[in-house]
N, C-alpha and C. Protein backbone atom coordinates (compact mmCIF):
# COMPACT_ATOMS: atom_id res chain seq x y z
N MET A 1 42.99 -10.82 10.32
CA MET A 1 41.86 -10.38 11.10
C MET A 1 41.32 -9.10 10.52
N LYS A 2 40.46 -9.61 9.56
CA LYS A 2 39.62 -8.46 9.15
C LYS A 2 38.46 -8.63 9.59
N GLU A 3 37.62 -7.87 10.15
CA GLU A 3 36.31 -7.74 10.38
C GLU A 3 35.68 -6.63 10.16
N GLY A 4 34.19 -6.81 9.51
CA GLY A 4 33.44 -6.08 8.87
C GLY A 4 32.84 -5.02 10.01
N TRP A 5 31.91 -4.01 9.16
CA TRP A 5 31.42 -3.14 9.94
C TRP A 5 30.11 -4.17 10.38
N THR A 6 29.98 -3.91 12.06
CA THR A 6 28.67 -4.10 12.64
C THR A 6 27.55 -3.64 12.50
N THR A 7 25.96 -4.26 12.79
CA THR A 7 24.72 -3.59 12.29
C THR A 7 24.88 -2.07 13.35
N ARG A 8 25.51 -2.61 14.37
CA ARG A 8 25.58 -1.70 14.93
C ARG A 8 26.16 -0.47 14.77
N TRP A 9 27.21 -0.86 14.52
CA TRP A 9 28.14 1.00 13.64
C TRP A 9 27.51 1.57 12.56
N LYS A 10 26.73 0.22 11.76
CA LYS A 10 26.24 0.71 10.56
C LYS A 10 24.96 1.90 10.77
N ALA A 11 23.90 1.56 11.65
CA ALA A 11 22.98 1.90 11.89
C ALA A 11 23.59 3.11 12.50
N LEU A 12 24.65 3.19 13.64
CA LEU A 12 25.16 4.78 14.26
C LEU A 12 25.61 5.67 12.59
N PHE A 13 25.96 4.73 12.01
CA PHE A 13 26.69 6.08 10.45
C PHE A 13 25.56 6.71 9.72
N ILE A 14 24.58 6.02 9.63
CA ILE A 14 23.23 6.01 9.23
C ILE A 14 22.48 7.61 10.04
N TRP A 15 22.55 6.98 11.35
CA TRP A 15 22.04 8.23 12.14
C TRP A 15 22.92 10.04 11.98
N LEU A 16 24.27 9.25 12.06
CA LEU A 16 25.02 10.72 11.97
C LEU A 16 24.82 10.89 10.74
N SER A 17 24.84 10.40 9.70
CA SER A 17 24.64 11.11 7.97
C SER A 17 23.31 11.82 8.03
N GLY A 18 21.92 11.28 8.78
CA GLY A 18 20.62 11.91 8.46
C GLY A 18 21.23 13.01 8.99
N TYR A 19 21.83 13.29 10.42
CA TYR A 19 21.91 14.96 10.90
C TYR A 19 22.78 15.51 10.32
N LEU A 20 24.27 15.45 9.66
CA LEU A 20 24.72 15.97 9.43
C LEU A 20 24.64 16.75 8.03
N SER A 21 23.53 16.04 7.17
CA SER A 21 23.43 16.56 5.65
C SER A 21 22.03 16.23 5.76
N PHE A 22 21.33 16.06 4.35
CA PHE A 22 20.34 15.55 3.85
C PHE A 22 20.81 14.52 2.69
N ILE A 23 21.58 15.42 2.25
CA ILE A 23 22.37 15.19 0.86
C ILE A 23 22.95 13.29 1.25
N ALA A 24 24.09 13.66 2.32
CA ALA A 24 24.72 12.49 2.96
C ALA A 24 24.02 11.65 3.42
N PHE A 25 22.13 11.50 4.08
CA PHE A 25 21.92 10.48 4.15
C PHE A 25 21.05 10.08 3.06
N ALA A 26 21.16 10.89 1.95
CA ALA A 26 20.00 10.33 0.80
C ALA A 26 21.14 9.23 0.16
N VAL A 27 22.47 9.61 0.16
CA VAL A 27 23.36 8.51 -0.33
C VAL A 27 23.70 7.32 0.46
N VAL A 28 23.59 7.87 1.73
CA VAL A 28 24.01 6.34 2.78
C VAL A 28 22.70 5.60 3.40
N GLY A 29 21.58 6.47 3.53
CA GLY A 29 20.36 5.64 3.68
C GLY A 29 19.41 5.12 2.52
N GLY A 30 19.69 5.62 1.37
CA GLY A 30 18.93 5.20 -0.04
C GLY A 30 20.33 3.60 -0.51
N TYR A 31 21.20 3.76 -0.35
CA TYR A 31 22.01 3.06 -0.31
C TYR A 31 21.62 1.59 0.35
N VAL A 32 21.36 2.08 1.48
CA VAL A 32 21.22 0.80 2.48
C VAL A 32 19.79 0.26 2.10
N ILE A 33 18.77 1.44 1.91
CA ILE A 33 17.30 0.84 1.56
C ILE A 33 17.47 -0.26 0.52
N VAL A 34 18.24 0.03 -0.63
CA VAL A 34 18.10 -0.54 -1.74
C VAL A 34 19.45 -1.75 -1.72
N LYS A 35 20.37 -1.77 -1.17
CA LYS A 35 21.14 -2.90 -1.16
C LYS A 35 21.55 -4.02 -0.28
N SER A 36 21.00 -2.78 0.93
CA SER A 36 21.09 -4.16 2.15
C SER A 36 19.91 -4.79 2.17
N GLU A 37 20.75 -6.26 3.03
CA GLU A 37 19.78 -7.34 2.74
C GLU A 37 19.23 -7.35 4.26
N ASP A 38 19.46 -6.50 5.35
CA ASP A 38 19.25 -6.17 6.51
C ASP A 38 18.46 -5.81 6.99
N GLU A 39 17.07 -6.31 7.54
CA GLU A 39 15.95 -5.54 7.38
C GLU A 39 16.25 -4.47 8.83
N GLU A 40 17.10 -5.18 9.63
CA GLU A 40 17.35 -4.02 10.89
C GLU A 40 17.85 -2.62 10.33
N LEU A 41 18.74 -2.63 9.38
CA LEU A 41 19.43 -1.58 8.63
C LEU A 41 18.16 -0.74 8.19
N LYS A 42 17.29 -1.67 7.20
CA LYS A 42 16.71 -1.16 6.31
C LYS A 42 15.45 0.07 7.08
N LYS A 43 14.98 -0.78 8.30
CA LYS A 43 14.20 -0.04 9.17
C LYS A 43 14.65 1.07 10.15
N THR A 44 16.09 0.96 10.34
CA THR A 44 16.80 2.17 10.95
C THR A 44 16.92 3.52 9.69
N ALA A 45 17.05 3.16 8.49
CA ALA A 45 17.15 4.20 7.67
C ALA A 45 15.61 4.50 7.70
N LYS A 46 14.81 3.97 7.30
CA LYS A 46 13.70 4.02 7.10
C LYS A 46 12.76 5.28 8.37
N THR A 47 13.42 5.02 9.59
CA THR A 47 13.36 5.87 10.80
C THR A 47 13.97 7.37 10.22
N VAL A 48 15.30 7.13 10.18
CA VAL A 48 15.98 8.24 9.68
C VAL A 48 15.20 9.24 8.92
N LEU A 49 15.02 8.30 7.79
CA LEU A 49 13.86 9.14 6.69
C LEU A 49 13.01 10.05 7.35
N ILE A 50 12.38 9.22 8.28
CA ILE A 50 10.87 10.22 8.60
C ILE A 50 11.45 11.26 9.83
N VAL A 51 12.65 11.29 10.66
CA VAL A 51 12.78 11.88 11.44
C VAL A 51 13.74 13.35 10.35
N THR A 52 14.07 12.92 9.70
CA THR A 52 14.98 13.81 8.95
C THR A 52 13.94 14.79 7.68
N LEU A 53 12.53 14.28 7.35
CA LEU A 53 12.00 14.93 6.70
C LEU A 53 10.95 15.83 7.67
N ILE A 54 10.74 15.30 9.03
CA ILE A 54 10.08 16.35 9.95
C ILE A 54 10.89 17.28 10.05
N PHE A 55 12.22 17.23 10.50
CA PHE A 55 12.88 18.38 10.44
C PHE A 55 13.25 18.90 9.42
N THR A 56 13.38 18.93 8.50
CA THR A 56 13.37 19.26 7.18
C THR A 56 11.90 20.31 7.11
N ALA A 57 10.85 19.71 7.45
CA ALA A 57 9.44 20.44 7.19
C ALA A 57 9.20 21.42 8.21
N ILE A 58 10.51 21.69 9.70
CA ILE A 58 10.27 22.57 10.61
C ILE A 58 11.04 23.70 9.87
N SER A 59 12.37 23.37 9.34
CA SER A 59 13.11 24.34 8.66
C SER A 59 12.75 25.11 7.81
N MET A 60 11.60 24.63 6.67
CA MET A 60 11.04 25.07 5.92
C MET A 60 10.18 26.04 6.22
N PHE A 61 9.45 25.40 7.45
CA PHE A 61 8.20 26.49 8.00
C PHE A 61 8.99 27.54 8.53
N LEU A 62 10.11 27.60 9.15
CA LEU A 62 10.88 28.57 9.76
C LEU A 62 11.65 29.62 8.51
N GLY A 63 11.61 29.36 7.29
CA GLY A 63 12.39 29.75 6.24
C GLY A 63 11.20 31.05 5.95
N ILE A 64 10.19 30.11 5.51
CA ILE A 64 8.84 30.84 5.27
C ILE A 64 8.67 31.93 6.37
N TYR A 65 8.30 31.43 7.44
CA TYR A 65 8.30 32.66 8.43
C TYR A 65 9.09 33.65 8.34
N SER A 66 10.39 33.49 8.32
CA SER A 66 11.46 34.42 8.04
C SER A 66 11.26 35.28 6.85
N GLY A 67 10.72 34.56 6.00
CA GLY A 67 10.81 35.00 4.62
C GLY A 67 9.85 36.23 4.64
N ILE A 68 8.42 36.10 5.06
CA ILE A 68 7.34 36.96 4.99
C ILE A 68 7.60 38.00 6.00
N GLY A 69 8.46 37.59 7.32
CA GLY A 69 8.96 38.60 8.26
C GLY A 69 9.82 40.02 7.91
N ASN A 70 10.53 39.17 6.61
CA ASN A 70 11.43 40.27 6.56
C ASN A 70 11.10 41.45 5.11
N MET A 71 9.58 40.77 4.68
CA MET A 71 8.83 41.73 3.47
C MET A 71 7.70 42.71 4.77
N THR A 72 7.96 42.74 5.82
CA THR A 72 6.93 44.05 6.90
C THR A 72 8.23 44.85 7.05
N ASP A 73 7.40 45.67 7.84
CA ASP A 73 8.37 46.46 8.28
C ASP A 73 8.93 46.29 9.62
N ASN A 74 9.82 46.74 9.48
CA ASN A 74 10.67 46.96 11.50
C ASN A 74 10.18 45.00 11.80
N TYR A 75 10.38 44.47 10.50
CA TYR A 75 10.72 42.64 11.18
C TYR A 75 11.60 42.44 12.39
N TYR A 76 13.16 43.13 12.16
CA TYR A 76 13.89 42.72 13.31
C TYR A 76 13.84 43.42 14.51
N ALA A 77 12.56 44.29 14.39
CA ALA A 77 12.57 45.08 16.04
C ALA A 77 11.39 44.55 16.83
N SER A 78 10.44 43.34 15.97
CA SER A 78 9.56 42.85 16.69
C SER A 78 9.58 41.58 17.32
N ASN A 79 8.21 41.26 17.79
CA ASN A 79 8.56 40.44 18.30
C ASN A 79 8.41 38.96 17.58
N ALA A 80 8.03 39.28 16.76
CA ALA A 80 7.93 37.95 15.36
C ALA A 80 9.28 37.41 15.46
N TYR A 81 9.99 38.67 15.27
CA TYR A 81 11.65 38.27 15.14
C TYR A 81 12.20 37.69 16.32
N ASP A 82 11.83 38.09 17.80
CA ASP A 82 12.61 37.37 18.33
C ASP A 82 11.86 35.71 19.01
N ALA A 83 10.22 35.71 18.29
CA ALA A 83 9.63 34.24 18.52
C ALA A 83 10.70 33.35 17.50
N TYR A 84 10.77 33.71 16.40
CA TYR A 84 11.49 33.06 15.51
C TYR A 84 12.90 32.89 15.69
N GLY A 85 13.83 33.72 16.53
CA GLY A 85 14.71 33.30 16.98
C GLY A 85 14.75 32.11 17.92
N VAL A 86 13.98 32.31 19.10
CA VAL A 86 13.31 30.89 19.76
C VAL A 86 13.00 30.05 19.23
N ILE A 87 12.29 29.82 18.80
CA ILE A 87 11.52 28.53 17.83
C ILE A 87 13.48 27.88 16.82
N GLN A 88 13.92 28.73 16.09
CA GLN A 88 14.86 28.10 15.66
C GLN A 88 16.07 27.30 16.40
N GLN A 89 16.19 28.09 17.66
CA GLN A 89 17.02 27.40 19.14
C GLN A 89 16.63 26.24 19.66
N ILE A 90 15.42 26.28 20.00
CA ILE A 90 14.71 25.11 20.61
C ILE A 90 14.56 24.03 19.44
N THR A 91 14.51 24.36 17.96
CA THR A 91 14.59 23.23 16.74
C THR A 91 16.09 22.67 16.60
N ASN A 92 16.81 23.71 16.77
CA ASN A 92 18.29 23.08 16.73
C ASN A 92 18.35 22.36 17.97
N ILE A 93 18.20 22.79 19.01
CA ILE A 93 18.61 21.65 20.32
C ILE A 93 17.80 20.68 20.50
N ALA A 94 16.21 20.39 19.95
CA ALA A 94 15.91 19.39 19.62
C ALA A 94 16.21 18.17 18.75
N LYS A 95 16.63 18.85 17.74
CA LYS A 95 17.16 18.22 16.55
C LYS A 95 18.50 17.32 17.29
N ILE A 96 19.32 18.12 17.77
CA ILE A 96 20.59 17.36 18.34
C ILE A 96 20.19 16.24 19.04
N VAL A 97 19.21 16.48 20.26
CA VAL A 97 18.89 15.46 21.09
C VAL A 97 18.19 14.65 20.57
N VAL A 98 17.19 14.53 19.74
CA VAL A 98 16.49 13.91 19.14
C VAL A 98 17.39 12.69 18.13
N TYR A 99 18.52 12.72 17.09
CA TYR A 99 19.45 12.44 16.67
C TYR A 99 20.23 11.64 17.92
N ALA A 100 20.66 12.40 18.50
CA ALA A 100 21.80 11.73 19.80
C ALA A 100 20.77 10.56 19.88
N VAL A 101 19.77 11.07 20.93
CA VAL A 101 19.07 9.88 21.16
C VAL A 101 18.84 8.69 20.41
N PHE A 102 18.54 8.48 19.35
CA PHE A 102 18.36 7.32 18.49
C PHE A 102 19.64 6.96 18.07
N ALA A 103 20.48 7.66 17.80
CA ALA A 103 21.61 7.15 17.42
C ALA A 103 22.01 5.96 18.58
N LEU A 104 22.14 6.51 19.63
CA LEU A 104 22.42 5.82 20.67
C LEU A 104 21.90 4.51 21.14
N ILE A 105 19.79 4.83 20.56
CA ILE A 105 19.39 3.70 21.25
C ILE A 105 20.08 2.44 19.85
N ALA A 106 20.13 3.21 18.82
CA ALA A 106 20.42 2.19 17.31
C ALA A 106 21.60 1.40 17.64
N PHE A 107 22.78 2.05 18.23
CA PHE A 107 23.99 1.65 18.80
C PHE A 107 24.10 0.73 19.89
N PHE A 108 23.27 0.99 20.91
CA PHE A 108 23.39 0.12 22.26
C PHE A 108 22.34 -0.96 22.30
N GLY A 109 20.94 -0.25 21.45
CA GLY A 109 19.86 -1.50 21.50
C GLY A 109 19.85 -2.31 20.13
N GLY A 110 20.98 -2.72 19.08
CA GLY A 110 21.22 -3.12 18.44
C GLY A 110 22.04 -4.51 18.18
N LYS A 111 21.78 -5.28 17.40
CA LYS A 111 22.31 -6.21 17.40
C LYS A 111 23.27 -6.58 17.33
N ASN A 112 24.60 -6.81 17.40
CA ASN A 112 26.34 -6.93 17.63
C ASN A 112 26.52 -7.85 15.81
N THR A 113 25.88 -7.95 14.83
CA THR A 113 26.50 -8.63 13.86
C THR A 113 27.21 -8.06 13.07
N SER A 114 28.25 -9.03 12.34
CA SER A 114 28.23 -8.64 11.00
C SER A 114 28.47 -9.36 9.96
N ALA A 115 28.79 -8.68 8.76
CA ALA A 115 28.64 -9.12 7.59
C ALA A 115 29.12 -10.29 7.31
N GLN A 116 30.64 -10.52 7.92
CA GLN A 116 31.47 -11.51 7.43
C GLN A 116 30.78 -13.12 7.78
N PRO A 117 30.12 -12.76 9.24
CA PRO A 117 29.77 -14.02 9.47
C PRO A 117 28.57 -14.93 8.51
N LYS A 118 27.85 -14.03 7.94
CA LYS A 118 26.86 -14.77 6.32
C LYS A 118 27.93 -15.50 5.77
N ALA A 119 28.94 -14.76 5.00
CA ALA A 119 29.40 -15.19 4.56
C ALA A 119 30.36 -16.72 4.46
N ALA A 120 30.79 -16.38 5.87
CA ALA A 120 31.43 -17.51 6.44
C ALA A 120 30.62 -18.77 6.44
N SER A 121 29.00 -18.26 7.20
CA SER A 121 28.38 -19.75 7.43
C SER A 121 27.97 -20.04 5.66
N LYS A 122 28.04 -19.20 4.81
CA LYS A 122 27.77 -20.15 3.44
C LYS A 122 28.96 -20.59 2.83
N ALA A 123 29.66 -20.24 3.16
CA ALA A 123 31.28 -21.47 3.15
C ALA A 123 30.92 -22.66 3.17
N GLU A 124 30.76 -22.32 4.67
CA GLU A 124 30.48 -23.43 5.89
C GLU A 124 29.24 -24.58 4.90
N GLU A 125 28.12 -23.96 4.55
CA GLU A 125 27.17 -24.25 4.19
C GLU A 125 27.33 -25.18 3.02
N ASN A 126 27.89 -24.49 1.83
CA ASN A 126 28.49 -25.59 1.09
C ASN A 126 29.55 -26.72 1.49
N ALA A 127 30.26 -26.38 1.77
CA ALA A 127 31.77 -27.49 2.04
C ALA A 127 30.72 -28.48 3.09
N ALA A 128 29.53 -28.21 3.58
CA ALA A 128 28.95 -29.87 4.38
C ALA A 128 28.14 -29.93 2.60
N GLU A 129 27.74 -29.35 1.65
CA GLU A 129 26.99 -30.27 0.81
C GLU A 129 27.73 -31.11 -0.04
N LYS A 130 29.13 -30.52 -0.06
CA LYS A 130 29.75 -31.14 -0.58
C LYS A 130 30.55 -32.50 -0.17
N ASP A 131 30.21 -32.37 0.88
CA ASP A 131 30.74 -34.14 2.14
C ASP A 131 29.89 -34.49 1.93
């Protein structure tokens, strides 16, 4: 009773790797984009890439903002630092919500197919051809 991963679980894993780390997503998403034959999984990986790049760009902007602020006098006592903290917390909450919502949509809205039936159907086709 060996069952493979379904497309739903694979899509959930892609979203989880995108949330956890850009490097983890590069490995998982890159593998899916290059090696997978499932177009739905490739589309999911591309969507995760876009979402990950958006949050990376926001993080880069906040890093530059903080770096410039650190070069000024009294940055930590200013309103700019308070704004940075609020924007960073909103970004963190938005990241969690976006990844969770998209992962749930991918899991519950996706097809429940696995790689095993493809192999089984090919074996059946080959057996039918021999007959």
